C-alpha cells in the first residue's frame, strides 16, 4: 500500500482554487500535469502493477468518445489529421503493451531526431474558434481562465458530434479517462487510506465540482440557451477535466501556454526519458527530440515538464 501511495504522489496535482473571481490564466497554467496511463507506465519506475487502482466503478453517461483501446477511431483520427495538415509521420497509432494505445515507430528513428511537427491549426487552446461562437463570446466576457474555458469548449464541440471540426479527435478520446475524478469514496479510502494523498485527491474532486458550480451559477444559468444543463453538467465536466488533466500540455516556447495537441497527446509518458513536447519556431509546429533510437514496432515515450 505504501508503494501505491508513493506512485500516486507523483500523479496528483497541486490543489487549485475553483473560484473564478480573481483567478488568472497563469494560475491555471501553472498546474503540474500528468499523462493518461501514467499509473500503468510508471511500472517501469517501480516494482508493482497498479492496474487495479485505475479501475472505476462509476458509470459515466458520455455519448461521445470511445473505448480506450479503439483502433477504428484511431485510424479515423490519423486520416483526418493527415488531411488537415499533419505531415507524414514515422509513427502509427497502435495498441501498446502498457495498455490502451500509443504512437509506435514505423521506421528507424535516430537519437536526436525531431518528430511530430503538429501545426498550430491543430492545437486546441483558449483562442480556438468555437462552432457556437455566441457561447465562446459569453465565456470571454466573464474572463473565464484557460482551464475551465478549454474544458467548456471541449464539451461544446463534443456535443455537436459530426458537426464539429474536432469530431474525429473527440471520437478518439477515451469516453472515461483515467482520472481520480472517477474514483469512488470507497476506492479513495481503500487505496489512499488516511494519507495526505487522499486529502489532496478529495480536494481535486471537490475543486472540479466547485469550478462547475461557479460556472453554472454565474454563467450557465443566465444563458441556458447556450449552455443547456443536459449538455453542460457535472458528468460532462468530469469527463472534460479528466481529459485536460491527462492530456493538456504546457508549451515553454509559447510563454507557458496550455494546449491540447491531437496526435502528440497519443504519446505515452515515461519517467525514464529526458525529452518533452514544445513548440519549434523554425518548423512552426509541436515537436519533441528523441533521447534514444527507436526500431520499428517500438512505442515512443516522452517526459512531462
Protein backbone atom coordinates (compact mmCIF):
# COMPACT_ATOMS: atom_id res chain seq x y z
CA UNK A 1 0.00 0.00 0.00
CA UNK A 2 2.85 2.36 0.77
CA UNK A 3 4.21 1.73 -2.73
CA UNK A 4 0.82 2.53 -4.26
CA UNK A 5 0.74 5.78 -2.30
CA UNK A 6 4.26 6.64 -3.45
CA UNK A 7 3.27 6.24 -7.09
CA UNK A 8 0.04 8.18 -6.61
CA UNK A 9 2.02 11.01 -5.05
CA UNK A 10 3.61 11.56 -8.45
CA UNK A 11 0.31 11.73 -10.34
CA UNK A 12 -1.67 14.03 -8.08
CA UNK A 13 -1.80 17.69 -8.99
CA UNK A 14 -1.35 20.57 -6.55
CA UNK A 15 -4.66 21.87 -5.20
CA UNK A 16 -6.34 24.55 -7.29
CA UNK A 17 -8.98 27.05 -6.34
CA UNK A 18 -12.31 26.66 -8.09
CA UNK A 19 -13.22 30.31 -7.60
CA UNK A 20 -13.23 32.14 -10.91
CA UNK A 21 -13.09 35.64 -9.46
CA UNK A 22 -9.53 36.89 -9.35
CA UNK A 23 -8.04 33.72 -10.80
CA UNK A 24 -5.66 34.40 -13.66
CA UNK A 25 -4.84 32.23 -16.63
CA UNK A 26 -1.27 31.91 -15.40
CA UNK A 27 -2.56 30.40 -12.15
CA UNK A 28 -4.32 27.64 -14.04
CA UNK A 29 -1.46 27.06 -16.47
CA UNK A 30 0.97 26.53 -13.60
CA UNK A 31 -0.58 23.19 -12.62
CA UNK A 32 1.74 20.25 -12.86
CA UNK A 33 0.19 17.97 -15.48
CA UNK A 34 0.14 14.21 -15.57
CA UNK A 35 -0.39 11.91 -18.52
CA UNK A 36 -3.03 9.30 -19.15
CA UNK A 37 -1.68 5.81 -18.46
CA UNK A 38 0.78 7.26 -16.00
CA UNK A 39 -0.18 4.76 -13.33
CA UNK A 40 0.49 1.98 -15.82
CA UNK A 41 3.61 3.45 -17.42
CA UNK A 42 5.13 4.14 -14.01
CA UNK A 43 5.53 0.39 -13.57
CA UNK A 44 8.83 0.89 -15.38
CA UNK A 45 9.95 3.03 -12.44
CA UNK A 46 8.56 0.84 -9.66
CA UNK A 47 8.08 -2.76 -8.71
CA UNK A 48 4.31 -3.22 -8.72
CA UNK A 49 1.35 -3.08 -11.05
CA UNK A 50 -1.36 -0.56 -10.26
CA UNK A 51 -3.85 -1.66 -12.89
CA UNK A 52 -6.46 -2.43 -10.25
CA UNK A 53 -6.27 1.05 -8.79
CA UNK A 54 -7.25 2.67 -12.07
CA UNK A 55 -10.49 0.74 -12.34
CA UNK A 56 -13.54 2.89 -11.73
CA UNK A 57 -16.89 1.65 -10.52
CA UNK A 58 -18.82 4.75 -11.57
CA UNK A 59 -20.98 4.68 -14.65
CA UNK A 60 -20.31 7.55 -17.00
CA UNK A 61 -23.05 8.55 -19.42
CA UNK A 62 -20.97 10.29 -22.06
CA UNK A 63 -22.30 9.93 -25.63
CA UNK A 64 -19.01 10.75 -27.35
CA UNK A 65 -15.51 9.34 -27.28
CA UNK A 66 -14.50 5.69 -27.49
CA UNK A 67 -13.12 2.76 -25.55
CA UNK A 68 -9.52 3.34 -24.56
CA UNK A 69 -8.12 0.76 -26.99
CA UNK A 70 -10.27 1.57 -30.04
CA UNK A 71 -8.18 1.38 -33.20
CA UNK A 72 -11.01 2.25 -35.58
CA UNK A 73 -11.33 5.71 -34.05
CA UNK A 74 -7.54 5.98 -34.00
CA UNK A 75 -7.37 5.23 -37.72
CA UNK A 76 -10.01 7.86 -38.46
CA UNK A 77 -8.08 10.36 -36.35
CA UNK A 78 -4.82 9.69 -38.17
CA UNK A 79 -6.53 10.06 -41.56
CA UNK A 80 -8.22 13.32 -40.54
CA UNK A 81 -5.00 14.79 -39.14
CA UNK A 82 -3.14 13.99 -42.36
CA UNK A 83 -5.87 15.66 -44.40
CA UNK A 84 -5.75 18.67 -42.04
CA UNK A 85 -2.06 19.44 -42.38
CA UNK A 86 -0.17 16.93 -40.23
CA UNK A 87 2.98 16.00 -42.18
CA UNK A 88 3.99 12.41 -42.91
CA UNK A 89 4.87 10.61 -39.69
CA UNK A 90 7.38 7.96 -38.68
CA UNK A 91 4.81 6.66 -36.19
CA UNK A 92 1.43 4.94 -36.27
CA UNK A 93 -1.23 4.83 -33.58
CA UNK A 94 -1.48 1.25 -32.30
CA UNK A 95 -2.28 -0.77 -29.19
CA UNK A 96 0.79 -0.99 -26.97
CA UNK A 97 1.82 -3.32 -24.18
CA UNK A 98 1.34 -0.72 -21.45
CA UNK A 99 -2.38 -0.68 -22.23
CA UNK A 100 -4.61 1.46 -24.41
CA UNK A 101 -2.90 3.00 -27.44
CA UNK A 102 0.34 4.71 -28.24
CA UNK A 103 2.48 6.02 -31.08
CA UNK A 104 4.66 3.23 -32.46
CA UNK A 105 7.66 3.69 -34.75
CA UNK A 106 7.06 2.53 -38.33
CA UNK A 107 10.61 3.43 -39.41
CA UNK A 108 14.04 3.55 -37.84
CA UNK A 109 14.24 6.67 -35.68
CA UNK A 110 17.60 8.13 -34.71
CA UNK A 111 18.56 9.55 -31.34
CA UNK A 112 18.24 13.33 -31.52
CA UNK A 113 15.67 13.23 -34.33
CA UNK A 114 12.75 15.65 -34.24
CA UNK A 115 9.28 14.11 -34.53
CA UNK A 116 5.61 15.13 -34.75
CA UNK A 117 5.58 18.68 -36.26
CA UNK A 118 1.91 19.22 -35.35
CA UNK A 119 0.91 22.62 -36.82
CA UNK A 120 -0.82 25.30 -34.70
CA UNK A 121 -4.01 24.88 -36.74
CA UNK A 122 -4.44 21.53 -34.98
CA UNK A 123 -3.96 22.82 -31.41
CA UNK A 124 -6.87 23.41 -29.07
CA UNK A 125 -6.22 26.47 -26.91
CA UNK A 126 -8.25 29.22 -25.29
CA UNK A 127 -8.03 31.05 -28.63
CA UNK A 128 -9.56 28.25 -30.71
CA UNK A 129 -12.59 29.13 -32.80
CA UNK A 130 -15.91 27.96 -31.37
CA UNK A 131 -18.50 26.31 -33.60
CA UNK A 132 -21.01 28.08 -31.34
CA UNK A 133 -19.38 31.50 -31.36
CA UNK A 134 -22.00 33.03 -29.06
CA UNK A 135 -21.08 30.61 -26.28
CA UNK A 136 -17.41 31.43 -26.65
CA UNK A 137 -18.11 35.16 -26.58
CA UNK A 138 -20.02 34.82 -23.31
CA UNK A 139 -17.15 32.98 -21.59
CA UNK A 140 -14.72 35.63 -22.79
CA UNK A 141 -16.94 38.37 -21.35
CA UNK A 142 -16.64 36.68 -17.95
CA UNK A 143 -12.85 36.32 -18.30
CA UNK A 144 -13.00 32.59 -17.62
CA UNK A 145 -9.43 31.25 -17.16
CA UNK A 146 -7.86 28.86 -19.64
CA UNK A 147 -8.51 25.56 -17.85
CA UNK A 148 -12.30 25.87 -17.35
CA UNK A 149 -12.53 27.75 -20.64
CA UNK A 150 -10.97 24.87 -22.59
CA UNK A 151 -12.98 22.33 -20.57
CA UNK A 152 -16.20 24.09 -21.57
CA UNK A 153 -15.02 24.42 -25.17
CA UNK A 154 -14.34 20.70 -25.35
CA UNK A 155 -17.84 19.86 -24.12
CA UNK A 156 -19.41 22.34 -26.54
CA UNK A 157 -17.57 20.87 -29.52
CA UNK A 158 -18.15 17.28 -28.39
CA UNK A 159 -21.90 17.84 -28.11
CA UNK A 160 -22.03 18.82 -31.79
CA UNK A 161 -20.79 15.37 -32.78
CA UNK A 162 -20.07 15.28 -36.53
CA UNK A 163 -20.84 18.98 -36.91
CA UNK A 164 -17.67 19.98 -35.06
CA UNK A 165 -14.36 20.21 -36.92
CA UNK A 166 -12.87 18.33 -33.95
CA UNK A 167 -15.25 15.37 -34.22
CA UNK A 168 -12.56 12.92 -35.35
CA UNK A 169 -10.31 13.97 -32.48
CA UNK A 170 -13.05 13.85 -29.85
CA UNK A 171 -14.23 10.47 -31.15
CA UNK A 172 -10.73 9.13 -30.48
CA UNK A 173 -10.65 10.41 -26.88
CA UNK A 174 -11.50 7.94 -24.11
CA UNK A 175 -15.12 8.00 -23.04
CA UNK A 176 -13.89 7.60 -19.47
CA UNK A 177 -10.38 8.98 -18.92
CA UNK A 178 -8.04 7.56 -16.32
CA UNK A 179 -8.65 10.11 -13.60
CA UNK A 180 -9.08 10.35 -9.85
CA UNK A 181 -12.30 12.21 -10.63
CA UNK A 182 -13.89 8.81 -11.28
CA UNK A 183 -12.76 7.18 -8.06
CA UNK A 184 -15.50 6.31 -5.60
CA UNK A 185 -15.31 7.15 -1.91
CA UNK A 186 -14.59 3.50 -1.10
CA UNK A 187 -11.73 3.42 -3.63
CA UNK A 188 -10.21 6.55 -2.14
CA UNK A 189 -10.48 5.06 1.34
CA UNK A 190 -9.12 1.69 0.25
CA UNK A 191 -6.14 2.74 -1.84
CA UNK A 192 -5.16 6.04 -0.30
CA UNK A 193 -6.05 5.27 3.31
CA UNK A 194 -5.89 8.23 5.70
CA UNK A 195 -2.90 9.76 3.97
CA UNK A 196 -2.17 13.29 2.81
CA UNK A 197 -2.55 11.99 -0.74
CA UNK A 198 -6.15 11.05 -0.03
CA UNK A 199 -6.85 14.58 1.17
CA UNK A 200 -5.35 16.02 -1.99
CA UNK A 201 -7.46 13.66 -4.10
CA UNK A 202 -10.61 14.76 -2.29
CA UNK A 203 -9.60 18.40 -2.80
CA UNK A 204 -9.13 17.79 -6.50
CA UNK A 205 -12.57 16.21 -6.83
CA UNK A 206 -14.22 18.95 -4.78
CA UNK A 207 -12.46 21.69 -6.72
CA UNK A 208 -13.68 20.37 -10.06
CA UNK A 209 -17.20 20.25 -8.63
CA UNK A 210 -16.72 23.79 -7.31
CA UNK A 211 -15.47 25.02 -10.67
CA UNK A 212 -18.52 23.56 -12.39
CA UNK A 213 -20.87 25.07 -9.78
CA UNK A 214 -19.29 28.51 -10.22
CA UNK A 215 -19.72 28.31 -13.99
CA UNK A 216 -23.29 27.07 -13.62
CA UNK A 217 -24.34 29.77 -11.17
CA UNK A 218 -22.51 32.70 -12.74
CA UNK A 219 -22.82 31.90 -16.44
CA UNK A 220 -24.71 28.77 -17.50
CA UNK A 221 -27.90 29.54 -15.54
CA UNK A 222 -28.02 33.01 -17.12
CA UNK A 223 -27.58 31.65 -20.65
CA UNK A 224 -29.47 28.33 -20.71
CA UNK A 225 -29.95 28.56 -24.47
CA UNK A 226 -26.17 28.49 -24.94
CA UNK A 227 -25.30 26.16 -22.04
CA UNK A 228 -28.19 23.70 -21.56
CA UNK A 229 -27.84 21.55 -18.46
CA UNK A 230 -28.37 18.33 -20.37
CA UNK A 231 -25.01 19.03 -22.03
CA UNK A 232 -23.11 21.17 -19.51
CA UNK A 233 -23.34 19.19 -16.28
CA UNK A 234 -21.04 17.66 -13.69
CA UNK A 235 -20.76 14.39 -15.64
CA UNK A 236 -19.51 16.10 -18.78
CA UNK A 237 -17.22 18.34 -16.75
CA UNK A 238 -15.69 15.33 -15.03
CA UNK A 239 -15.01 13.98 -18.50
CA UNK A 240 -13.55 17.21 -19.88
CA UNK A 241 -11.37 17.91 -16.84
CA UNK A 242 -10.27 14.28 -16.90
CA UNK A 243 -9.14 14.81 -20.49
CA UNK A 244 -7.33 18.03 -19.60
CA UNK A 245 -5.60 16.57 -16.54
CA UNK A 246 -4.26 13.70 -18.64
CA UNK A 247 -3.57 15.42 -21.99
CA UNK A 248 -3.15 19.18 -21.69
CA UNK A 249 0.47 20.23 -22.20
CA UNK A 250 2.36 23.38 -21.28
CA UNK A 251 4.49 24.85 -24.05
CA UNK A 252 7.53 26.75 -22.69
CA UNK A 253 8.35 28.34 -26.04
CA UNK A 254 4.84 29.80 -26.23
CA UNK A 255 5.13 31.58 -22.87
CA UNK A 256 3.79 28.59 -20.98
CA UNK A 257 0.54 28.43 -22.94
CA UNK A 258 -1.52 25.30 -22.33
CA UNK A 259 -2.94 23.33 -25.24
CA UNK A 260 -4.47 20.07 -26.32
CA UNK A 261 -2.33 18.77 -29.17
CA UNK A 262 -4.03 16.00 -31.16
CA UNK A 263 -1.67 13.20 -32.19
CA UNK A 264 1.06 14.38 -29.81
CA UNK A 265 -1.23 13.54 -26.88
CA UNK A 266 -1.28 9.91 -28.00
CA UNK A 267 2.33 9.56 -26.86
CA UNK A 268 2.83 7.55 -23.68
CA UNK A 269 4.59 9.11 -20.72
CA UNK A 270 7.59 7.54 -19.01
CA UNK A 271 9.72 8.84 -16.15
CA UNK A 272 12.95 7.46 -17.61
CA UNK A 273 13.16 9.63 -20.72
CA UNK A 274 14.53 13.17 -20.97
CA UNK A 275 12.58 14.60 -23.89
CA UNK A 276 9.45 16.73 -23.80
CA UNK A 277 6.96 18.43 -26.10
CA UNK A 278 7.40 22.05 -27.11
CA UNK A 279 6.72 24.47 -29.93
CA UNK A 280 9.52 24.69 -32.50
CA UNK A 281 9.64 28.14 -34.10
CA UNK A 282 11.71 27.05 -37.09
CA UNK A 283 9.26 24.35 -38.17
CA UNK A 284 6.23 26.14 -36.68
CA UNK A 285 4.88 23.04 -35.02
CA UNK A 286 4.90 20.94 -31.86
CA UNK A 287 7.93 18.66 -31.82
CA UNK A 288 9.95 16.56 -29.48
CA UNK A 289 13.54 15.46 -29.93
CA UNK A 290 14.21 11.81 -29.17
CA UNK A 291 16.69 10.96 -26.43
CA UNK A 292 17.18 7.46 -27.81
CA UNK A 293 16.89 5.48 -31.03
CA UNK A 294 13.74 3.51 -31.85
CA UNK A 295 13.36 0.47 -34.07
CA UNK A 296 10.12 -0.16 -35.99
CA UNK A 297 7.49 -1.60 -33.67
CA UNK A 298 8.68 0.19 -30.53
CA UNK A 299 6.37 2.74 -28.94
CA UNK A 300 7.58 6.29 -28.45
CA UNK A 301 7.72 7.80 -24.96
CA UNK A 302 8.20 11.30 -23.62
CA UNK A 303 8.58 13.14 -20.33
CA UNK A 304 6.35 15.88 -18.97
CA UNK A 305 7.81 19.13 -17.67
